[in-house]
Amino acid sequence: MQAENVMQFVWPEINYTVSIVALVLALAVFIFGSFSGARANKVRIVFAVCLSTGIGWCAMPLAVKAASALHIADTKSGIVILVTTMMFFVAAIATSIYEVITVTFSDIGMSPKK
């Protein structure tokens, strides 16, 4: 599969019940998070998510070229693995950015005083 055809793949079939459970779980995490400090850290969370999404968006073409060179992108399951790996990559970056903002900056005295 050519690098230009990354979006022409079929995601594995997942039961609608599993999808609904995943969506409800995601909403529950957002709701519980809003009561446990997400409102106070809203700007930090939005910044971490936006920055990690931008980094992932910019890194995706290189990942696609690397997957094509390694013949991972030749199959539909390889594309699913590539996209899943990029999801993990972006989630790890968002978590790390949030950690740097909330913990490291306060440890070195760069956090704004409340």
C-alpha atoms as a PDB file:
ATOM      1  CA  MET A   1       0.000   0.000   0.000  1.00  0.00           C
ATOM      2  CA  GLN A   2       1.399   3.391  -0.946  1.00  0.00           C
ATOM      3  CA  ALA A   3       1.897   6.098   1.670  1.00  0.00           C
ATOM      4  CA  GLU A   4      -0.728   8.244  -0.053  1.00  0.00           C
ATOM      5  CA  ASN A   5      -3.396   5.569   0.442  1.00  0.00           C
ATOM      6  CA  VAL A   6      -3.235   5.411   4.232  1.00  0.00           C
ATOM      7  CA  MET A   7      -6.810   6.549   4.649  1.00  0.00           C
ATOM      8  CA  GLN A   8      -8.135   3.795   2.377  1.00  0.00           C
ATOM      9  CA  PHE A   9      -8.349   0.981   4.885  1.00  0.00           C
ATOM     10  CA  VAL A  10     -11.012  -0.766   6.873  1.00  0.00           C
ATOM     11  CA  TRP A  11     -10.888  -0.678  10.644  1.00  0.00           C
ATOM     12  CA  PRO A  12     -11.558  -4.067  12.251  1.00  0.00           C
ATOM     13  CA  GLU A  13     -15.224  -4.829  12.866  1.00  0.00           C
ATOM     14  CA  ILE A  14     -16.152  -4.045  16.450  1.00  0.00           C
ATOM     15  CA  ASN A  15     -19.504  -4.868  17.979  1.00  0.00           C
ATOM     16  CA  TYR A  16     -21.689  -1.801  18.531  1.00  0.00           C
ATOM     17  CA  THR A  17     -22.104  -2.777  22.177  1.00  0.00           C
ATOM     18  CA  VAL A  18     -18.337  -2.607  22.692  1.00  0.00           C
ATOM     19  CA  SER A  19     -18.260   0.781  20.949  1.00  0.00           C
ATOM     20  CA  ILE A  20     -21.072   2.108  23.129  1.00  0.00           C
ATOM     21  CA  VAL A  21     -19.354   0.825  26.282  1.00  0.00           C
ATOM     22  CA  ALA A  22     -16.107   2.507  25.184  1.00  0.00           C
ATOM     23  CA  LEU A  23     -17.919   5.781  24.511  1.00  0.00           C
ATOM     24  CA  VAL A  24     -19.722   5.662  27.872  1.00  0.00           C
ATOM     25  CA  LEU A  25     -16.432   4.875  29.618  1.00  0.00           C
ATOM     26  CA  ALA A  26     -14.774   7.843  27.904  1.00  0.00           C
ATOM     27  CA  LEU A  27     -17.617  10.138  28.965  1.00  0.00           C
ATOM     28  CA  ALA A  28     -17.420   8.790  32.522  1.00  0.00           C
ATOM     29  CA  VAL A  29     -13.697   9.547  32.613  1.00  0.00           C
ATOM     30  CA  PHE A  30     -14.369  13.120  31.451  1.00  0.00           C
ATOM     31  CA  ILE A  31     -17.133  13.570  34.039  1.00  0.00           C
ATOM     32  CA  PHE A  32     -15.087  12.114  36.902  1.00  0.00           C
ATOM     33  CA  GLY A  33     -12.091  14.145  35.768  1.00  0.00           C
ATOM     34  CA  SER A  34     -14.090  17.358  35.823  1.00  0.00           C
ATOM     35  CA  PHE A  35     -14.941  16.766  39.481  1.00  0.00           C
ATOM     36  CA  SER A  36     -11.397  15.779  40.455  1.00  0.00           C
ATOM     37  CA  GLY A  37      -9.455  18.779  39.282  1.00  0.00           C
ATOM     38  CA  ALA A  38      -9.839  18.913  35.524  1.00  0.00           C
ATOM     39  CA  ARG A  39     -11.727  22.204  35.792  1.00  0.00           C
ATOM     40  CA  ALA A  40      -8.848  23.762  37.713  1.00  0.00           C
ATOM     41  CA  ASN A  41      -6.345  22.457  35.177  1.00  0.00           C
ATOM     42  CA  LYS A  42      -8.494  23.030  32.082  1.00  0.00           C
ATOM     43  CA  VAL A  43      -5.953  25.244  30.311  1.00  0.00           C
ATOM     44  CA  ARG A  44      -3.138  22.783  31.006  1.00  0.00           C
ATOM     45  CA  ILE A  45      -5.167  19.848  29.720  1.00  0.00           C
ATOM     46  CA  VAL A  46      -6.253  21.668  26.566  1.00  0.00           C
ATOM     47  CA  PHE A  47      -2.672  22.794  25.931  1.00  0.00           C
ATOM     48  CA  ALA A  48      -1.308  19.258  26.411  1.00  0.00           C
ATOM     49  CA  VAL A  49      -3.939  17.726  24.118  1.00  0.00           C
ATOM     50  CA  CYS A  50      -3.562  20.368  21.399  1.00  0.00           C
ATOM     51  CA  LEU A  51       0.236  20.266  21.440  1.00  0.00           C
ATOM     52  CA  SER A  52       0.389  16.470  21.389  1.00  0.00           C
ATOM     53  CA  THR A  53      -2.172  16.329  18.580  1.00  0.00           C
ATOM     54  CA  GLY A  54      -0.094  18.806  16.573  1.00  0.00           C
ATOM     55  CA  ILE A  55       3.078  16.819  17.191  1.00  0.00           C
ATOM     56  CA  GLY A  56       1.335  13.595  16.176  1.00  0.00           C
ATOM     57  CA  TRP A  57      -0.136  15.250  13.099  1.00  0.00           C
ATOM     58  CA  CYS A  58       3.309  16.462  12.030  1.00  0.00           C
ATOM     59  CA  ALA A  59       4.959  13.100  12.796  1.00  0.00           C
ATOM     60  CA  MET A  60       2.357  11.003  10.946  1.00  0.00           C
ATOM     61  CA  PRO A  61       3.813  11.479   7.429  1.00  0.00           C
ATOM     62  CA  LEU A  62       7.212  10.249   8.630  1.00  0.00           C
ATOM     63  CA  ALA A  63       5.581   7.279  10.388  1.00  0.00           C
ATOM     64  CA  VAL A  64       3.695   6.418   7.191  1.00  0.00           C
ATOM     65  CA  LYS A  65       6.897   6.572   5.130  1.00  0.00           C
ATOM     66  CA  ALA A  66       8.723   4.416   7.683  1.00  0.00           C
ATOM     67  CA  ALA A  67       5.871   1.899   7.722  1.00  0.00           C
ATOM     68  CA  SER A  68       5.886   1.833   3.926  1.00  0.00           C
ATOM     69  CA  ALA A  69       9.645   1.298   3.828  1.00  0.00           C
ATOM     70  CA  LEU A  70       9.324  -1.590   6.293  1.00  0.00           C
ATOM     71  CA  HIS A  71       6.365  -2.993   4.300  1.00  0.00           C
ATOM     72  CA  ILE A  72       4.093  -2.630   7.337  1.00  0.00           C
ATOM     73  CA  ALA A  73       1.736  -0.440   5.321  1.00  0.00           C
ATOM     74  CA  ASP A  74       1.256  -3.116   2.665  1.00  0.00           C
ATOM     75  CA  THR A  75      -1.654  -4.747   4.466  1.00  0.00           C
ATOM     76  CA  LYS A  76      -4.803  -3.439   6.091  1.00  0.00           C
ATOM     77  CA  SER A  77      -3.783  -4.917   9.429  1.00  0.00           C
ATOM     78  CA  GLY A  78      -0.433  -3.137   9.120  1.00  0.00           C
ATOM     79  CA  ILE A  79      -2.235   0.185   8.652  1.00  0.00           C
ATOM     80  CA  VAL A  80      -4.365  -0.555  11.718  1.00  0.00           C
ATOM     81  CA  ILE A  81      -1.168  -1.252  13.674  1.00  0.00           C
ATOM     82  CA  LEU A  82       0.327   2.009  12.388  1.00  0.00           C
ATOM     83  CA  VAL A  83      -2.706   4.075  13.389  1.00  0.00           C
ATOM     84  CA  THR A  84      -2.928   2.347  16.777  1.00  0.00           C
ATOM     85  CA  THR A  85       0.762   2.994  17.392  1.00  0.00           C
ATOM     86  CA  MET A  86       0.263   6.653  16.539  1.00  0.00           C
ATOM     87  CA  MET A  87      -2.690   6.816  18.962  1.00  0.00           C
ATOM     88  CA  PHE A  88      -0.443   5.449  21.719  1.00  0.00           C
ATOM     89  CA  PHE A  89       2.264   7.916  20.682  1.00  0.00           C
ATOM     90  CA  VAL A  90      -0.061  10.927  20.906  1.00  0.00           C
ATOM     91  CA  ALA A  91      -1.548   9.731  24.219  1.00  0.00           C
ATOM     92  CA  ALA A  92       1.926   9.268  25.692  1.00  0.00           C
ATOM     93  CA  ILE A  93       2.980  12.719  24.512  1.00  0.00           C
ATOM     94  CA  ALA A  94      -0.154  14.330  25.973  1.00  0.00           C
ATOM     95  CA  THR A  95       0.415  12.601  29.298  1.00  0.00           C
ATOM     96  CA  SER A  96       4.068  13.607  29.358  1.00  0.00           C
ATOM     97  CA  ILE A  97       3.313  17.230  28.451  1.00  0.00           C
ATOM     98  CA  TYR A  98       0.679  17.443  31.175  1.00  0.00           C
ATOM     99  CA  GLU A  99       3.132  15.892  33.646  1.00  0.00           C
ATOM    100  CA  VAL A 100       5.820  18.418  32.714  1.00  0.00           C
ATOM    101  CA  ILE A 101       3.387  21.313  33.082  1.00  0.00           C
ATOM    102  CA  THR A 102       1.841  20.261  36.390  1.00  0.00           C
ATOM    103  CA  VAL A 103       4.676  18.541  38.256  1.00  0.00           C
ATOM    104  CA  THR A 104       8.012  19.613  36.863  1.00  0.00           C
ATOM    105  CA  PHE A 105       7.229  23.312  36.540  1.00  0.00           C
ATOM    106  CA  SER A 106       5.968  23.454  40.123  1.00  0.00           C
ATOM    107  CA  ASP A 107       9.056  21.536  41.338  1.00  0.00           C
ATOM    108  CA  ILE A 108      11.420  24.061  39.789  1.00  0.00           C
ATOM    109  CA  GLY A 109       9.358  27.103  40.793  1.00  0.00           C
ATOM    110  CA  MET A 110       7.976  28.031  37.371  1.00  0.00           C
ATOM    111  CA  SER A 111       4.343  27.341  38.215  1.00  0.00           C
ATOM    112  CA  PRO A 112       2.135  30.405  38.612  1.00  0.00           C
ATOM    113  CA  LYS A 113       1.276  31.224  42.212  1.00  0.00           C
ATOM    114  CA  LYS A 114      -2.339  30.708  43.249  1.00  0.00           C
END
